N, C-alpha and C. Protein backbone atom coordinates (compact mmCIF):
# COMPACT_ATOMS: atom_id res chain seq x y z
N UNK A 1 0.89 -1.18 0.02
CA UNK A 1 0.14 -0.01 -0.03
C UNK A 1 0.91 1.43 0.04
N UNK A 2 0.66 2.29 -0.92
CA UNK A 2 1.50 3.56 -1.12
C UNK A 2 0.89 4.48 0.00
N UNK A 3 1.79 4.92 0.74
CA UNK A 3 1.49 6.06 1.44
C UNK A 3 1.48 7.56 0.71
N UNK A 4 0.53 8.27 0.94
CA UNK A 4 0.47 9.58 0.20
C UNK A 4 0.64 10.71 1.15
N UNK A 5 1.59 11.58 0.87
CA UNK A 5 1.81 12.80 1.90
C UNK A 5 0.63 13.76 1.87
N UNK A 6 0.20 14.05 2.96
CA UNK A 6 -0.89 14.95 2.81
C UNK A 6 -0.62 16.29 3.25
N UNK A 7 -1.12 17.15 2.82
CA UNK A 7 -1.07 18.63 3.19
C UNK A 7 -2.42 19.25 3.61
N UNK A 8 -2.26 19.76 4.88
CA UNK A 8 -3.68 20.44 5.37
C UNK A 8 -3.76 21.76 4.57
N UNK A 9 -5.05 21.97 4.30
CA UNK A 9 -5.25 23.29 3.43
C UNK A 9 -6.66 23.81 3.81
N UNK A 10 -7.00 25.01 3.51
CA UNK A 10 -7.94 25.65 3.85
C UNK A 10 -8.81 25.95 2.44
N UNK A 11 -10.02 25.47 2.28
CA UNK A 11 -10.73 25.73 1.07
C UNK A 11 -12.02 26.33 1.16
N UNK A 12 -12.48 27.32 0.46
CA UNK A 12 -13.59 28.18 0.68
C UNK A 12 -14.66 27.41 -0.41
N UNK A 13 -15.79 26.97 0.16
CA UNK A 13 -16.81 26.37 -0.79
C UNK A 13 -18.13 27.21 -0.52
N UNK A 14 -18.92 27.26 -1.62
CA UNK A 14 -20.27 27.75 -1.49
C UNK A 14 -21.08 26.74 -0.41
N UNK A 15 -21.80 27.62 0.55
CA UNK A 15 -22.42 26.84 1.48
C UNK A 15 -23.30 25.55 0.99
N UNK A 16 -24.32 26.12 -0.11
CA UNK A 16 -25.21 25.26 -0.70
C UNK A 16 -24.52 23.83 -1.20
N UNK A 17 -23.19 24.08 -1.76
CA UNK A 17 -22.67 23.12 -2.38
C UNK A 17 -21.93 22.12 -1.30
N UNK A 18 -21.48 22.62 -0.32
CA UNK A 18 -21.05 21.73 0.74
C UNK A 18 -22.21 21.13 1.41
N UNK A 19 -23.47 21.53 1.62
CA UNK A 19 -24.54 20.97 2.19
C UNK A 19 -25.00 19.78 1.15
N UNK A 20 -25.05 19.99 -0.01
CA UNK A 20 -25.42 18.84 -0.95
C UNK A 20 -24.37 17.81 -0.88
N UNK A 21 -23.15 18.18 -0.90
CA UNK A 21 -21.91 17.13 -0.64
C UNK A 21 -22.26 16.26 0.60
N UNK A 22 -22.47 17.11 1.52
CA UNK A 22 -22.76 16.22 3.03
C UNK A 22 -23.94 15.35 2.80
N UNK A 23 -24.85 15.57 2.08
CA UNK A 23 -26.17 14.78 1.98
C UNK A 23 -25.71 13.52 1.11
N UNK A 24 -24.95 13.48 0.20
CA UNK A 24 -24.58 12.51 -0.70
C UNK A 24 -23.36 11.72 -0.33
N UNK A 25 -22.58 12.30 0.44
CA UNK A 25 -21.18 11.41 0.76
C UNK A 25 -21.31 10.20 1.62
N UNK A 26 -22.31 10.11 2.29
CA UNK A 26 -22.85 8.75 3.02
C UNK A 26 -21.42 8.85 4.14
N UNK A 27 -21.00 7.64 4.37
CA UNK A 27 -19.78 7.54 5.43
C UNK A 27 -18.60 7.90 4.91
N UNK A 28 -18.22 8.79 3.86
CA UNK A 28 -16.93 9.24 3.34
C UNK A 28 -16.56 10.75 4.02
N UNK A 29 -15.45 10.84 4.22
CA UNK A 29 -14.82 12.01 4.73
C UNK A 29 -15.02 13.11 3.68
N UNK A 30 -15.46 14.23 3.91
CA UNK A 30 -15.48 15.54 2.98
C UNK A 30 -14.33 15.64 2.21
N UNK A 31 -13.00 15.38 2.97
CA UNK A 31 -11.86 15.55 2.21
C UNK A 31 -11.53 14.50 1.24
N UNK A 32 -12.07 13.42 1.38
CA UNK A 32 -11.95 12.24 0.33
C UNK A 32 -12.79 12.59 -0.83
N UNK A 33 -13.98 13.23 -0.60
CA UNK A 33 -14.93 13.74 -1.69
C UNK A 33 -14.25 14.75 -2.55
N UNK A 34 -13.83 15.66 -1.88
CA UNK A 34 -12.95 16.87 -2.49
C UNK A 34 -11.64 16.15 -3.22
N UNK A 35 -11.16 15.28 -2.49
CA UNK A 35 -9.69 14.78 -3.50
C UNK A 35 -10.23 14.07 -4.70
N UNK A 36 -11.26 13.29 -4.61
CA UNK A 36 -11.73 12.51 -5.80
C UNK A 36 -12.09 13.47 -6.86
N UNK A 37 -12.89 14.54 -6.46
CA UNK A 37 -13.23 15.50 -7.49
C UNK A 37 -12.21 16.28 -8.06
N UNK A 38 -11.16 16.60 -7.27
CA UNK A 38 -9.84 17.19 -7.78
C UNK A 38 -9.17 16.43 -8.68
N UNK A 39 -9.12 15.09 -8.25
CA UNK A 39 -8.38 14.28 -9.10
C UNK A 39 -9.00 13.84 -10.67
N UNK A 40 -10.19 13.90 -10.45
CA UNK A 40 -11.12 13.65 -11.69
C UNK A 40 -10.91 14.86 -12.64
N UNK A 41 -10.77 16.08 -11.90
CA UNK A 41 -10.78 17.37 -12.74
C UNK A 41 -9.40 17.47 -13.41
N UNK A 42 -8.31 17.20 -12.65
CA UNK A 42 -6.96 17.09 -13.06
C UNK A 42 -6.86 16.15 -14.29
N UNK A 43 -7.28 14.96 -14.11
CA UNK A 43 -7.26 13.85 -15.01
C UNK A 43 -8.03 14.40 -16.37
N UNK A 44 -9.19 14.90 -16.33
CA UNK A 44 -9.96 15.55 -17.20
C UNK A 44 -9.19 16.66 -18.16
N UNK A 45 -8.58 17.63 -17.14
CA UNK A 45 -7.93 18.64 -17.96
C UNK A 45 -6.59 18.16 -18.72
N UNK A 46 -5.90 17.04 -18.13
CA UNK A 46 -4.78 16.58 -18.73
C UNK A 46 -5.43 15.90 -20.13
N UNK A 47 -6.21 14.92 -20.07
CA UNK A 47 -6.69 14.48 -21.35
C UNK A 47 -7.05 15.24 -22.30
N UNK A 48 -7.76 16.51 -22.04
CA UNK A 48 -8.05 17.54 -23.04
C UNK A 48 -6.91 18.27 -23.51
N UNK A 49 -6.07 18.46 -22.69
CA UNK A 49 -4.68 19.00 -23.16
C UNK A 49 -3.98 18.08 -24.19
N UNK A 50 -3.97 16.79 -23.82
CA UNK A 50 -3.09 15.90 -24.84
C UNK A 50 -3.84 15.78 -25.86
N UNK A 51 -5.27 15.71 -25.90
CA UNK A 51 -6.21 15.69 -27.14
C UNK A 51 -5.84 16.92 -28.09
N UNK A 52 -5.69 18.17 -27.42
CA UNK A 52 -5.32 19.34 -28.23
C UNK A 52 -4.23 19.32 -28.89
N UNK A 53 -3.11 18.72 -28.20
CA UNK A 53 -1.68 18.67 -28.66
C UNK A 53 -1.88 17.52 -30.09
N UNK A 54 -2.51 16.56 -29.81
CA UNK A 54 -2.75 15.33 -30.91
C UNK A 54 -3.37 15.91 -32.02
N UNK A 55 -4.44 16.66 -31.60
CA UNK A 55 -5.11 17.43 -32.90
C UNK A 55 -4.23 18.41 -33.72
N UNK A 56 -3.26 19.32 -32.91
CA UNK A 56 -2.48 20.19 -33.45
C UNK A 56 -1.28 19.16 -34.39
N UNK A 57 -0.92 18.04 -33.91
CA UNK A 57 0.11 17.37 -34.63
C UNK A 57 -0.55 17.02 -35.89
N UNK A 58 -1.74 16.24 -35.60
CA UNK A 58 -2.41 15.53 -36.90
C UNK A 58 -2.66 16.80 -37.86
N UNK A 59 -3.17 17.92 -37.70
CA UNK A 59 -3.40 19.12 -38.51
C UNK A 59 -2.18 19.41 -39.13
N UNK A 60 -1.06 19.60 -38.51
CA UNK A 60 0.20 20.07 -39.05
C UNK A 60 0.74 19.04 -40.04
N UNK A 61 0.30 17.80 -39.73
CA UNK A 61 0.86 16.76 -41.04
C UNK A 61 -0.32 16.24 -41.81
N UNK A 62 -1.52 16.89 -41.82
CA UNK A 62 -2.63 16.26 -42.68
C UNK A 62 -2.40 16.23 -43.92
N UNK A 63 -1.59 16.98 -44.53
CA UNK A 63 -1.40 16.85 -46.20
C UNK A 63 -0.23 15.52 -46.43
N UNK A 64 0.77 15.23 -45.46
CA UNK A 64 1.30 13.97 -45.61
C UNK A 64 0.44 12.88 -45.35
N UNK A 65 -0.28 12.96 -44.31
CA UNK A 65 -1.03 11.87 -44.02
C UNK A 65 -2.12 11.46 -44.94
N UNK A 66 -2.66 12.45 -45.43
CA UNK A 66 -3.65 12.23 -46.65
C UNK A 66 -2.98 11.74 -47.93
N UNK A 67 -1.94 12.07 -48.16
CA UNK A 67 -0.98 11.54 -49.53
C UNK A 67 -0.69 10.23 -49.22
N UNK A 68 -0.17 9.80 -48.01
CA UNK A 68 0.17 8.44 -47.68
C UNK A 68 -1.40 7.50 -47.77
N UNK A 69 -2.31 8.04 -47.16
CA UNK A 69 -3.56 7.23 -47.45
C UNK A 69 -3.94 7.09 -48.91
N UNK A 70 -3.89 8.08 -49.67
CA UNK A 70 -4.08 7.91 -51.02
C UNK A 70 -3.23 6.98 -51.80
N UNK A 71 -1.95 6.95 -51.38
CA UNK A 71 -0.92 5.92 -51.88
C UNK A 71 -1.28 4.63 -51.58
N UNK A 72 -1.72 4.52 -50.25
CA UNK A 72 -2.19 2.90 -49.75
C UNK A 72 -3.54 2.62 -50.53
N UNK A 73 -4.33 3.50 -50.79
CA UNK A 73 -5.62 3.02 -51.48
C UNK A 73 -5.35 2.72 -52.98
N UNK A 74 -4.41 3.08 -53.37
CA UNK A 74 -4.09 2.81 -54.87
C UNK A 74 -3.64 1.29 -54.93
N UNK A 75 -2.99 0.79 -53.81
CA UNK A 75 -2.61 -0.58 -53.88
C UNK A 75 -3.64 -1.72 -53.59
N UNK A 76 -4.77 -1.24 -53.06
CA UNK A 76 -5.78 -2.10 -53.05
C UNK A 76 -6.31 -2.52 -54.24
N UNK A 77 -6.68 -3.88 -54.35
CA UNK A 77 -7.17 -4.45 -55.34
C UNK A 77 -8.83 -4.06 -55.68
N UNK A 78 -9.09 -3.91 -56.82
CA UNK A 78 -10.43 -3.62 -57.19
C UNK A 78 -11.03 -5.14 -57.24
N UNK A 79 -12.50 -4.98 -56.71
CA UNK A 79 -12.99 -6.17 -56.57
C UNK A 79 -14.17 -6.46 -57.85
């Protein structure tokens, strides 16, 4: 089991959001709820950034990619 270093911090949240979180969290600590939400947020932002960079690379090379696809299609046998 991996030990994660924890840092205590103060977070300000809207009262209604905290009340809603407390209603649905069941037996989970609010810190764990916030940690899960923050990890999900960071993962989503990371995926979004990676996708953006991939699209930039594809677009920058689209002419070459299209040419290669056309050449490949020329080798296919006609049925």
